[in-house]
Amino acid sequence: RKFFSRPVLRLFLTYASWSDGLRGHVGGTPFKDKTSGFTFGVQTET
């Protein structure tokens, strides 16, 4: 029950949006022509 208790396994869902001036510079190839997007996955940290 501590913020830095490890190991930890997490599922994540992230939504991001960015201004037109960053189009093509954020999110790599999947988001190169966009200004927002979702990503999800599984992460472990220890």
All heavy atoms as atom14 arrays in JSON, in Angstrom:
{
  "sequence": "RKFFSRPVLRLFLTYASWSDGLRGHVGGTPFKDKTSGFTFGVQTET",
  "atom14_mask": [
    [1, 1, 1, 1, 1, 1, 1, 1, 1, 1, 1, 0, 0, 0],
    [1, 1, 1, 1, 1, 1, 1, 1, 1, 0, 0, 0, 0, 0],
    [1, 1, 1, 1, 1, 1, 1, 1, 1, 1, 1, 0, 0, 0],
    [1, 1, 1, 1, 1, 1, 1, 1, 1, 1, 1, 0, 0, 0],
    [1, 1, 1, 1, 1, 1, 0, 0, 0, 0, 0, 0, 0, 0],
    [1, 1, 1, 1, 1, 1, 1, 1, 1, 1, 1, 0, 0, 0],
    [1, 1, 1, 1, 1, 1, 1, 0, 0, 0, 0, 0, 0, 0],
    [1, 1, 1, 1, 1, 1, 1, 0, 0, 0, 0, 0, 0, 0],
    [1, 1, 1, 1, 1, 1, 1, 1, 0, 0, 0, 0, 0, 0],
    [1, 1, 1, 1, 1, 1, 1, 1, 1, 1, 1, 0, 0, 0],
    [1, 1, 1, 1, 1, 1, 1, 1, 0, 0, 0, 0, 0, 0],
    [1, 1, 1, 1, 1, 1, 1, 1, 1, 1, 1, 0, 0, 0],
    [1, 1, 1, 1, 1, 1, 1, 1, 0, 0, 0, 0, 0, 0],
    [1, 1, 1, 1, 1, 1, 1, 0, 0, 0, 0, 0, 0, 0],
    [1, 1, 1, 1, 1, 1, 1, 1, 1, 1, 1, 1, 0, 0],
    [1, 1, 1, 1, 1, 0, 0, 0, 0, 0, 0, 0, 0, 0],
    [1, 1, 1, 1, 1, 1, 0, 0, 0, 0, 0, 0, 0, 0],
    [1, 1, 1, 1, 1, 1, 1, 1, 1, 1, 1, 1, 1, 1],
    [1, 1, 1, 1, 1, 1, 0, 0, 0, 0, 0, 0, 0, 0],
    [1, 1, 1, 1, 1, 1, 1, 1, 0, 0, 0, 0, 0, 0],
    [1, 1, 1, 1, 0, 0, 0, 0, 0, 0, 0, 0, 0, 0],
    [1, 1, 1, 1, 1, 1, 1, 1, 0, 0, 0, 0, 0, 0],
    [1, 1, 1, 1, 1, 1, 1, 1, 1, 1, 1, 0, 0, 0],
    [1, 1, 1, 1, 0, 0, 0, 0, 0, 0, 0, 0, 0, 0],
    [1, 1, 1, 1, 1, 1, 1, 1, 1, 1, 0, 0, 0, 0],
    [1, 1, 1, 1, 1, 1, 1, 0, 0, 0, 0, 0, 0, 0],
    [1, 1, 1, 1, 0, 0, 0, 0, 0, 0, 0, 0, 0, 0],
    [1, 1, 1, 1, 0, 0, 0, 0, 0, 0, 0, 0, 0, 0],
    [1, 1, 1, 1, 1, 1, 1, 0, 0, 0, 0, 0, 0, 0],
    [1, 1, 1, 1, 1, 1, 1, 0, 0, 0, 0, 0, 0, 0],
    [1, 1, 1, 1, 1, 1, 1, 1, 1, 1, 1, 0, 0, 0],
    [1, 1, 1, 1, 1, 1, 1, 1, 1, 0, 0, 0, 0, 0],
    [1, 1, 1, 1, 1, 1, 1, 1, 0, 0, 0, 0, 0, 0],
    [1, 1, 1, 1, 1, 1, 1, 1, 1, 0, 0, 0, 0, 0],
    [1, 1, 1, 1, 1, 1, 1, 0, 0, 0, 0, 0, 0, 0],
    [1, 1, 1, 1, 1, 1, 0, 0, 0, 0, 0, 0, 0, 0],
    [1, 1, 1, 1, 0, 0, 0, 0, 0, 0, 0, 0, 0, 0],
    [1, 1, 1, 1, 1, 1, 1, 1, 1, 1, 1, 0, 0, 0],
    [1, 1, 1, 1, 1, 1, 1, 0, 0, 0, 0, 0, 0, 0],
    [1, 1, 1, 1, 1, 1, 1, 1, 1, 1, 1, 0, 0, 0],
    [1, 1, 1, 1, 0, 0, 0, 0, 0, 0, 0, 0, 0, 0],
    [1, 1, 1, 1, 1, 1, 1, 0, 0, 0, 0, 0, 0, 0],
    [1, 1, 1, 1, 1, 1, 1, 1, 1, 0, 0, 0, 0, 0],
    [1, 1, 1, 1, 1, 1, 1, 0, 0, 0, 0, 0, 0, 0],
    [1, 1, 1, 1, 1, 1, 1, 1, 1, 0, 0, 0, 0, 0],
    [1, 1, 1, 1, 1, 1, 1, 0, 0, 0, 0, 0, 0, 0]
  ],
  "atom14_positions": [
    [[0.82, -1.22, 0.0], [0.0, 0.0, 0.0], [0.85, 1.27, 0.0], [0.46, 2.29, 0.53], [-0.9, 0.02, 1.24], [-2.04, -0.95, 1.19], [-2.87, -0.81, 2.46], [-4.04, -1.65, 2.44], [-5.27, -1.23, 2.16], [-5.48, 0.03, 1.86], [-6.28, -2.06, 2.18], [0.0, 0.0, 0.0], [0.0, 0.0, 0.0], [0.0, 0.0, 0.0]],
    [[2.01, 1.22, -0.6], [2.87, 2.39, -0.71], [2.99, 2.77, -2.18], [2.94, 1.91, -3.07], [4.27, 2.12, -0.15], [4.3, 1.87, 1.33], [4.06, 3.15, 2.08], [4.25, 2.95, 3.57], [3.89, 4.13, 4.32], [0.0, 0.0, 0.0], [0.0, 0.0, 0.0], [0.0, 0.0, 0.0], [0.0, 0.0, 0.0], [0.0, 0.0, 0.0]],
    [[3.18, 4.05, -2.44], [3.28, 4.55, -3.81], [4.36, 3.83, -4.6], [4.19, 3.49, -5.76], [3.56, 6.06, -3.79], [3.49, 6.71, -5.14], [2.29, 7.16, -5.64], [4.64, 6.87, -5.91], [2.21, 7.77, -6.89], [4.58, 7.48, -7.15], [3.36, 7.93, -7.64], [0.0, 0.0, 0.0], [0.0, 0.0, 0.0], [0.0, 0.0, 0.0]],
    [[5.5, 3.57, -3.96], [6.61, 2.9, -4.63], [6.7, 1.41, -4.29], [7.77, 0.82, -4.45], [7.94, 3.59, -4.29], [8.1, 4.92, -4.98], [8.18, 6.08, -4.25], [8.18, 4.99, -6.37], [8.34, 7.31, -4.87], [8.33, 6.21, -7.01], [8.41, 7.37, -6.26], [0.0, 0.0, 0.0], [0.0, 0.0, 0.0], [0.0, 0.0, 0.0]],
    [[5.62, 0.78, -3.83], [5.65, -0.67, -3.6], [5.88, -1.37, -4.94], [5.16, -1.15, -5.9], [4.34, -1.15, -2.99], [4.18, -0.67, -1.68], [0.0, 0.0, 0.0], [0.0, 0.0, 0.0], [0.0, 0.0, 0.0], [0.0, 0.0, 0.0], [0.0, 0.0, 0.0], [0.0, 0.0, 0.0], [0.0, 0.0, 0.0], [0.0, 0.0, 0.0]],
    [[6.87, -2.21, -4.99], [7.19, -2.95, -6.21], [7.48, -4.39, -5.85], [7.9, -4.65, -4.75], [8.43, -2.35, -6.92], [8.28, -0.91, -7.37], [7.2, -0.76, -8.44], [7.09, 0.59, -8.95], [6.27, 1.52, -8.47], [5.51, 1.27, -7.44], [6.21, 2.71, -9.03], [0.0, 0.0, 0.0], [0.0, 0.0, 0.0], [0.0, 0.0, 0.0]],
    [[7.26, -5.35, -6.72], [6.88, -5.19, -8.12], [5.41, -4.8, -8.26], [4.61, -4.98, -7.34], [7.14, -6.56, -8.73], [7.02, -7.51, -7.6], [7.47, -6.75, -6.37], [0.0, 0.0, 0.0], [0.0, 0.0, 0.0], [0.0, 0.0, 0.0], [0.0, 0.0, 0.0], [0.0, 0.0, 0.0], [0.0, 0.0, 0.0], [0.0, 0.0, 0.0]],
    [[5.07, -4.27, -9.44], [3.69, -3.92, -9.77], [3.42, -4.32, -11.22], [4.29, -4.23, -12.07], [3.41, -2.42, -9.52], [4.21, -1.54, -10.47], [1.95, -2.09, -9.63], [0.0, 0.0, 0.0], [0.0, 0.0, 0.0], [0.0, 0.0, 0.0], [0.0, 0.0, 0.0], [0.0, 0.0, 0.0], [0.0, 0.0, 0.0], [0.0, 0.0, 0.0]],
    [[2.22, -4.81, -11.45], [1.75, -5.16, -12.79], [0.53, -4.28, -13.04], [-0.4, -4.26, -12.22], [1.37, -6.64, -12.87], [0.76, -7.11, -14.18], [1.79, -7.05, -15.31], [0.22, -8.54, -14.03], [0.0, 0.0, 0.0], [0.0, 0.0, 0.0], [0.0, 0.0, 0.0], [0.0, 0.0, 0.0], [0.0, 0.0, 0.0], [0.0, 0.0, 0.0]],
    [[0.51, -3.56, -14.16], [-0.61, -2.66, -14.42], [-1.09, -2.77, -15.85], [-0.31, -2.99, -16.77], [-0.24, -1.21, -14.08], [0.84, -0.59, -14.88], [1.09, 0.88, -14.51], [1.63, 1.06, -13.2], [2.92, 1.23, -12.91], [3.81, 1.23, -13.88], [3.31, 1.39, -11.68], [0.0, 0.0, 0.0], [0.0, 0.0, 0.0], [0.0, 0.0, 0.0]],
    [[-2.39, -2.62, -16.0], [-3.01, -2.39, -17.3], [-3.14, -0.88, -17.42], [-3.4, -0.21, -16.42], [-4.4, -3.03, -17.36], [-4.49, -4.52, -17.12], [-5.95, -4.94, -17.03], [-3.8, -5.27, -18.24], [0.0, 0.0, 0.0], [0.0, 0.0, 0.0], [0.0, 0.0, 0.0], [0.0, 0.0, 0.0], [0.0, 0.0, 0.0], [0.0, 0.0, 0.0]],
    [[-2.99, -0.33, -18.61], [-3.15, 1.12, -18.72], [-3.91, 1.48, -20.0], [-3.85, 0.78, -21.0], [-1.8, 1.84, -18.67], [-0.94, 1.61, -19.89], [-1.05, 2.44, -21.0], [-0.02, 0.59, -19.91], [-0.25, 2.24, -22.12], [0.78, 0.37, -21.02], [0.67, 1.19, -22.12], [0.0, 0.0, 0.0], [0.0, 0.0, 0.0], [0.0, 0.0, 0.0]],
    [[-4.64, 2.57, -19.9], [-5.32, 3.18, -21.03], [-4.98, 4.66, -20.98], [-5.21, 5.32, -19.97], [-6.83, 2.98, -20.94], [-7.67, 3.72, -21.99], [-7.39, 3.18, -23.39], [-9.15, 3.59, -21.65], [0.0, 0.0, 0.0], [0.0, 0.0, 0.0], [0.0, 0.0, 0.0], [0.0, 0.0, 0.0], [0.0, 0.0, 0.0], [0.0, 0.0, 0.0]],
    [[-4.39, 5.18, -22.04], [-3.97, 6.57, -22.09], [-4.63, 7.27, -23.27], [-4.65, 6.74, -24.38], [-2.44, 6.69, -22.23], [-1.82, 6.11, -21.09], [-1.99, 8.13, -22.37], [0.0, 0.0, 0.0], [0.0, 0.0, 0.0], [0.0, 0.0, 0.0], [0.0, 0.0, 0.0], [0.0, 0.0, 0.0], [0.0, 0.0, 0.0], [0.0, 0.0, 0.0]],
    [[-5.14, 8.46, -23.01], [-5.62, 9.34, -24.07], [-4.73, 10.58, -24.05], [-4.47, 11.15, -23.0], [-7.07, 9.77, -23.84], [-7.51, 10.85, -24.8], [-7.79, 10.54, -26.13], [-7.58, 12.18, -24.41], [-8.14, 11.54, -27.03], [-7.94, 13.18, -25.3], [-8.21, 12.84, -26.61], [-8.56, 13.83, -27.51], [0.0, 0.0, 0.0], [0.0, 0.0, 0.0]],
    [[-4.26, 10.98, -25.22], [-3.44, 12.18, -25.34], [-3.94, 13.03, -26.49], [-4.47, 12.51, -27.48], [-1.97, 11.81, -25.58], [0.0, 0.0, 0.0], [0.0, 0.0, 0.0], [0.0, 0.0, 0.0], [0.0, 0.0, 0.0], [0.0, 0.0, 0.0], [0.0, 0.0, 0.0], [0.0, 0.0, 0.0], [0.0, 0.0, 0.0], [0.0, 0.0, 0.0]],
    [[-3.78, 14.33, -26.34], [-4.09, 15.25, -27.45], [-3.0, 16.31, -27.46], [-2.4, 16.62, -26.44], [-5.47, 15.88, -27.28], [-5.55, 16.65, -26.11], [0.0, 0.0, 0.0], [0.0, 0.0, 0.0], [0.0, 0.0, 0.0], [0.0, 0.0, 0.0], [0.0, 0.0, 0.0], [0.0, 0.0, 0.0], [0.0, 0.0, 0.0], [0.0, 0.0, 0.0]],
    [[-2.75, 16.85, -28.66], [-1.69, 17.82, -28.8], [-2.06, 18.84, -29.88], [-2.93, 18.6, -30.71], [-0.35, 17.16, -29.12], [-0.41, 16.15, -30.24], [-0.13, 16.37, -31.56], [-0.75, 14.77, -30.14], [-0.28, 15.21, -32.28], [-0.67, 14.21, -31.43], [-1.13, 13.94, -29.08], [-0.95, 12.87, -31.7], [-1.42, 12.62, -29.35], [-1.31, 12.09, -30.64]],
    [[-1.4, 19.96, -29.83], [-1.71, 21.04, -30.76], [-1.21, 20.7, -32.16], [-0.35, 19.84, -32.35], [-1.11, 22.35, -30.28], [0.29, 22.26, -30.21], [0.0, 0.0, 0.0], [0.0, 0.0, 0.0], [0.0, 0.0, 0.0], [0.0, 0.0, 0.0], [0.0, 0.0, 0.0], [0.0, 0.0, 0.0], [0.0, 0.0, 0.0], [0.0, 0.0, 0.0]],
    [[-1.75, 21.4, -33.13], [-1.39, 21.16, -34.53], [0.1, 21.39, -34.78], [0.69, 20.75, -35.64], [-2.23, 22.07, -35.44], [-2.27, 21.55, -36.86], [-2.57, 20.35, -37.05], [-1.97, 22.34, -37.77], [0.0, 0.0, 0.0], [0.0, 0.0, 0.0], [0.0, 0.0, 0.0], [0.0, 0.0, 0.0], [0.0, 0.0, 0.0], [0.0, 0.0, 0.0]],
    [[0.72, 22.27, -33.99], [2.15, 22.53, -34.14], [3.03, 21.35, -33.79], [4.21, 21.34, -34.12], [0.0, 0.0, 0.0], [0.0, 0.0, 0.0], [0.0, 0.0, 0.0], [0.0, 0.0, 0.0], [0.0, 0.0, 0.0], [0.0, 0.0, 0.0], [0.0, 0.0, 0.0], [0.0, 0.0, 0.0], [0.0, 0.0, 0.0], [0.0, 0.0, 0.0]],
    [[2.47, 20.32, -33.15], [3.24, 19.11, -32.82], [2.85, 17.93, -33.7], [3.35, 16.81, -33.5], [3.05, 18.75, -31.34], [3.62, 19.75, -30.34], [3.36, 19.29, -28.92], [5.1, 19.99, -30.57], [0.0, 0.0, 0.0], [0.0, 0.0, 0.0], [0.0, 0.0, 0.0], [0.0, 0.0, 0.0], [0.0, 0.0, 0.0], [0.0, 0.0, 0.0]],
    [[1.94, 18.15, -34.65], [1.53, 17.07, -35.56], [2.77, 16.51, -36.26], [3.6, 17.23, -36.77], [0.56, 17.62, -36.6], [-0.03, 16.56, -37.5], [-0.86, 17.16, -38.62], [-1.95, 17.97, -38.13], [-3.21, 17.56, -38.02], [-3.52, 16.33, -38.36], [-4.14, 18.37, -37.57], [0.0, 0.0, 0.0], [0.0, 0.0, 0.0], [0.0, 0.0, 0.0]],
    [[2.88, 15.18, -36.22], [4.03, 14.51, -36.82], [5.23, 14.37, -35.9], [6.2, 13.7, -36.25], [0.0, 0.0, 0.0], [0.0, 0.0, 0.0], [0.0, 0.0, 0.0], [0.0, 0.0, 0.0], [0.0, 0.0, 0.0], [0.0, 0.0, 0.0], [0.0, 0.0, 0.0], [0.0, 0.0, 0.0], [0.0, 0.0, 0.0], [0.0, 0.0, 0.0]],
    [[5.18, 14.99, -34.72], [6.3, 14.92, -33.76], [5.93, 14.14, -32.51], [6.77, 13.97, -31.63], [6.74, 16.33, -33.36], [7.27, 17.13, -34.5], [8.54, 17.0, -34.99], [6.68, 18.08, -35.27], [8.72, 17.83, -36.0], [7.6, 18.49, -36.19], [0.0, 0.0, 0.0], [0.0, 0.0, 0.0], [0.0, 0.0, 0.0], [0.0, 0.0, 0.0]],
    [[4.69, 13.69, -32.4], [4.21, 13.02, -31.19], [3.64, 11.65, -31.57], [2.9, 11.53, -32.53], [3.11, 13.86, -30.49], [2.52, 13.11, -29.31], [3.68, 15.19, -30.04], [0.0, 0.0, 0.0], [0.0, 0.0, 0.0], [0.0, 0.0, 0.0], [0.0, 0.0, 0.0], [0.0, 0.0, 0.0], [0.0, 0.0, 0.0], [0.0, 0.0, 0.0]],
    [[3.97, 10.63, -30.81], [3.33, 9.33, -30.94], [3.86, 8.42, -32.03], [3.33, 7.35, -32.24], [0.0, 0.0, 0.0], [0.0, 0.0, 0.0], [0.0, 0.0, 0.0], [0.0, 0.0, 0.0], [0.0, 0.0, 0.0], [0.0, 0.0, 0.0], [0.0, 0.0, 0.0], [0.0, 0.0, 0.0], [0.0, 0.0, 0.0], [0.0, 0.0, 0.0]],
    [[4.88, 8.83, -32.73], [5.46, 7.98, -33.75], [4.56, 7.78, -34.96], [3.59, 8.5, -35.18], [0.0, 0.0, 0.0], [0.0, 0.0, 0.0], [0.0, 0.0, 0.0], [0.0, 0.0, 0.0], [0.0, 0.0, 0.0], [0.0, 0.0, 0.0], [0.0, 0.0, 0.0], [0.0, 0.0, 0.0], [0.0, 0.0, 0.0], [0.0, 0.0, 0.0]],
    [[4.85, 6.77, -35.75], [4.16, 6.51, -37.01], [2.65, 6.35, -36.86], [1.9, 6.9, -37.68], [4.76, 5.26, -37.7], [6.17, 5.51, -37.89], [4.11, 5.0, -39.04], [0.0, 0.0, 0.0], [0.0, 0.0, 0.0], [0.0, 0.0, 0.0], [0.0, 0.0, 0.0], [0.0, 0.0, 0.0], [0.0, 0.0, 0.0], [0.0, 0.0, 0.0]],
    [[2.12, 5.65, -35.86], [0.66, 5.48, -35.79], [-0.11, 6.8, -35.66], [-1.28, 6.87, -36.01], [0.45, 4.62, -34.54], [1.74, 3.94, -34.31], [2.79, 4.88, -34.81], [0.0, 0.0, 0.0], [0.0, 0.0, 0.0], [0.0, 0.0, 0.0], [0.0, 0.0, 0.0], [0.0, 0.0, 0.0], [0.0, 0.0, 0.0], [0.0, 0.0, 0.0]],
    [[0.51, 7.85, -35.15], [-0.18, 9.11, -34.9], [0.4, 10.27, -35.71], [0.15, 11.43, -35.39], [-0.14, 9.45, -33.41], [-0.76, 8.39, -32.55], [0.03, 7.48, -31.87], [-2.14, 8.29, -32.44], [-0.54, 6.48, -31.08], [-2.72, 7.31, -31.65], [-1.92, 6.4, -30.98], [0.0, 0.0, 0.0], [0.0, 0.0, 0.0], [0.0, 0.0, 0.0]],
    [[1.17, 9.99, -36.77], [1.91, 11.04, -37.46], [1.03, 12.11, -38.1], [1.45, 13.25, -38.23], [2.86, 10.45, -38.49], [2.21, 9.88, -39.71], [3.25, 9.4, -40.7], [2.55, 8.86, -41.93], [3.48, 8.5, -42.95], [0.0, 0.0, 0.0], [0.0, 0.0, 0.0], [0.0, 0.0, 0.0], [0.0, 0.0, 0.0], [0.0, 0.0, 0.0]],
    [[-0.2, 11.77, -38.5], [-1.09, 12.75, -39.12], [-2.23, 13.14, -38.19], [-3.23, 13.68, -38.64], [-1.67, 12.19, -40.42], [-0.58, 11.93, -41.46], [0.35, 12.76, -41.54], [-0.66, 10.92, -42.18], [0.0, 0.0, 0.0], [0.0, 0.0, 0.0], [0.0, 0.0, 0.0], [0.0, 0.0, 0.0], [0.0, 0.0, 0.0], [0.0, 0.0, 0.0]],
    [[-2.1, 12.89, -36.9], [-3.19, 13.12, -35.96], [-2.79, 14.12, -34.89], [-1.62, 14.45, -34.73], [-3.6, 11.8, -35.32], [-4.08, 10.78, -36.34], [-4.48, 9.5, -35.69], [-4.94, 8.56, -36.8], [-5.42, 7.32, -36.3], [0.0, 0.0, 0.0], [0.0, 0.0, 0.0], [0.0, 0.0, 0.0], [0.0, 0.0, 0.0], [0.0, 0.0, 0.0]],
    [[-3.78, 14.57, -34.14], [-3.52, 15.46, -33.0], [-4.13, 14.89, -31.72], [-4.26, 15.61, -30.73], [-4.07, 16.87, -33.25], [-5.46, 16.79, -33.52], [-3.33, 17.56, -34.39], [0.0, 0.0, 0.0], [0.0, 0.0, 0.0], [0.0, 0.0, 0.0], [0.0, 0.0, 0.0], [0.0, 0.0, 0.0], [0.0, 0.0, 0.0], [0.0, 0.0, 0.0]],
    [[-4.48, 13.61, -31.74], [-4.95, 12.94, -30.53], [-4.93, 11.44, -30.76], [-4.84, 10.98, -31.9], [-6.37, 13.39, -30.16], [-7.3, 12.98, -31.13], [0.0, 0.0, 0.0], [0.0, 0.0, 0.0], [0.0, 0.0, 0.0], [0.0, 0.0, 0.0], [0.0, 0.0, 0.0], [0.0, 0.0, 0.0], [0.0, 0.0, 0.0], [0.0, 0.0, 0.0]],
    [[-5.04, 10.69, -29.68], [-5.09, 9.25, -29.82], [-5.12, 8.52, -28.49], [-4.82, 9.1, -27.44], [0.0, 0.0, 0.0], [0.0, 0.0, 0.0], [0.0, 0.0, 0.0], [0.0, 0.0, 0.0], [0.0, 0.0, 0.0], [0.0, 0.0, 0.0], [0.0, 0.0, 0.0], [0.0, 0.0, 0.0], [0.0, 0.0, 0.0], [0.0, 0.0, 0.0]],
    [[-5.52, 7.26, -28.57], [-5.54, 6.35, -27.42], [-4.43, 5.34, -27.58], [-4.1, 4.92, -28.69], [-6.87, 5.58, -27.36], [-8.01, 6.35, -26.79], [-8.91, 6.99, -27.63], [-8.2, 6.44, -25.43], [-9.97, 7.71, -27.12], [-9.26, 7.14, -24.89], [-10.15, 7.79, -25.75], [0.0, 0.0, 0.0], [0.0, 0.0, 0.0], [0.0, 0.0, 0.0]],
    [[-3.9, 4.9, -26.45], [-2.98, 3.77, -26.44], [-3.26, 2.97, -25.17], [-3.76, 3.51, -24.18], [-1.5, 4.21, -26.52], [-0.67, 3.06, -26.64], [-1.09, 5.0, -25.3], [0.0, 0.0, 0.0], [0.0, 0.0, 0.0], [0.0, 0.0, 0.0], [0.0, 0.0, 0.0], [0.0, 0.0, 0.0], [0.0, 0.0, 0.0], [0.0, 0.0, 0.0]],
    [[-2.98, 1.69, -25.21], [-3.24, 0.83, -24.05], [-2.2, -0.27, -24.03], [-1.52, -0.53, -25.02], [-4.65, 0.24, -24.12], [-4.89, -0.61, -25.33], [-4.66, -1.98, -25.3], [-5.34, -0.05, -26.52], [-4.87, -2.77, -26.43], [-5.56, -0.82, -27.65], [-5.32, -2.18, -27.6], [0.0, 0.0, 0.0], [0.0, 0.0, 0.0], [0.0, 0.0, 0.0]],
    [[-2.1, -0.92, -22.88], [-1.15, -2.01, -22.79], [-1.03, -2.55, -21.38], [-1.81, -2.21, -20.49], [0.0, 0.0, 0.0], [0.0, 0.0, 0.0], [0.0, 0.0, 0.0], [0.0, 0.0, 0.0], [0.0, 0.0, 0.0], [0.0, 0.0, 0.0], [0.0, 0.0, 0.0], [0.0, 0.0, 0.0], [0.0, 0.0, 0.0], [0.0, 0.0, 0.0]],
    [[-0.02, -3.38, -21.2], [0.31, -3.99, -19.91], [1.75, -3.6, -19.61], [2.6, -3.61, -20.49], [0.18, -5.53, -19.98], [0.58, -6.16, -18.66], [-1.22, -5.93, -20.39], [0.0, 0.0, 0.0], [0.0, 0.0, 0.0], [0.0, 0.0, 0.0], [0.0, 0.0, 0.0], [0.0, 0.0, 0.0], [0.0, 0.0, 0.0], [0.0, 0.0, 0.0]],
    [[1.99, -3.25, -18.36], [3.33, -2.83, -17.96], [3.67, -3.45, -16.63], [2.8, -3.59, -15.75], [3.35, -1.3, -17.85], [4.68, -0.74, -17.44], [4.59, 0.76, -17.2], [3.64, 1.25, -16.61], [5.59, 1.49, -17.65], [0.0, 0.0, 0.0], [0.0, 0.0, 0.0], [0.0, 0.0, 0.0], [0.0, 0.0, 0.0], [0.0, 0.0, 0.0]],
    [[4.91, -3.84, -16.47], [5.38, -4.31, -15.18], [6.56, -3.45, -14.76], [7.3, -2.95, -15.6], [5.77, -5.8, -15.22], [6.08, -6.24, -13.89], [6.93, -6.08, -16.13], [0.0, 0.0, 0.0], [0.0, 0.0, 0.0], [0.0, 0.0, 0.0], [0.0, 0.0, 0.0], [0.0, 0.0, 0.0], [0.0, 0.0, 0.0], [0.0, 0.0, 0.0]],
    [[6.71, -3.27, -13.47], [7.8, -2.43, -12.96], [8.33, -3.07, -11.69], [7.58, -3.47, -10.81], [7.24, -1.04, -12.66], [8.26, -0.02, -12.3], [7.65, 1.34, -12.09], [6.49, 1.6, -12.51], [8.33, 2.18, -11.48], [0.0, 0.0, 0.0], [0.0, 0.0, 0.0], [0.0, 0.0, 0.0], [0.0, 0.0, 0.0], [0.0, 0.0, 0.0]],
    [[9.64, -3.18, -11.63], [10.29, -3.72, -10.44], [11.71, -3.18, -10.34], [12.25, -2.68, -11.32], [10.31, -5.26, -10.46], [10.74, -5.74, -9.19], [11.2, -5.8, -11.54], [0.0, 0.0, 0.0], [0.0, 0.0, 0.0], [0.0, 0.0, 0.0], [0.0, 0.0, 0.0], [0.0, 0.0, 0.0], [0.0, 0.0, 0.0], [0.0, 0.0, 0.0]]
  ]
}
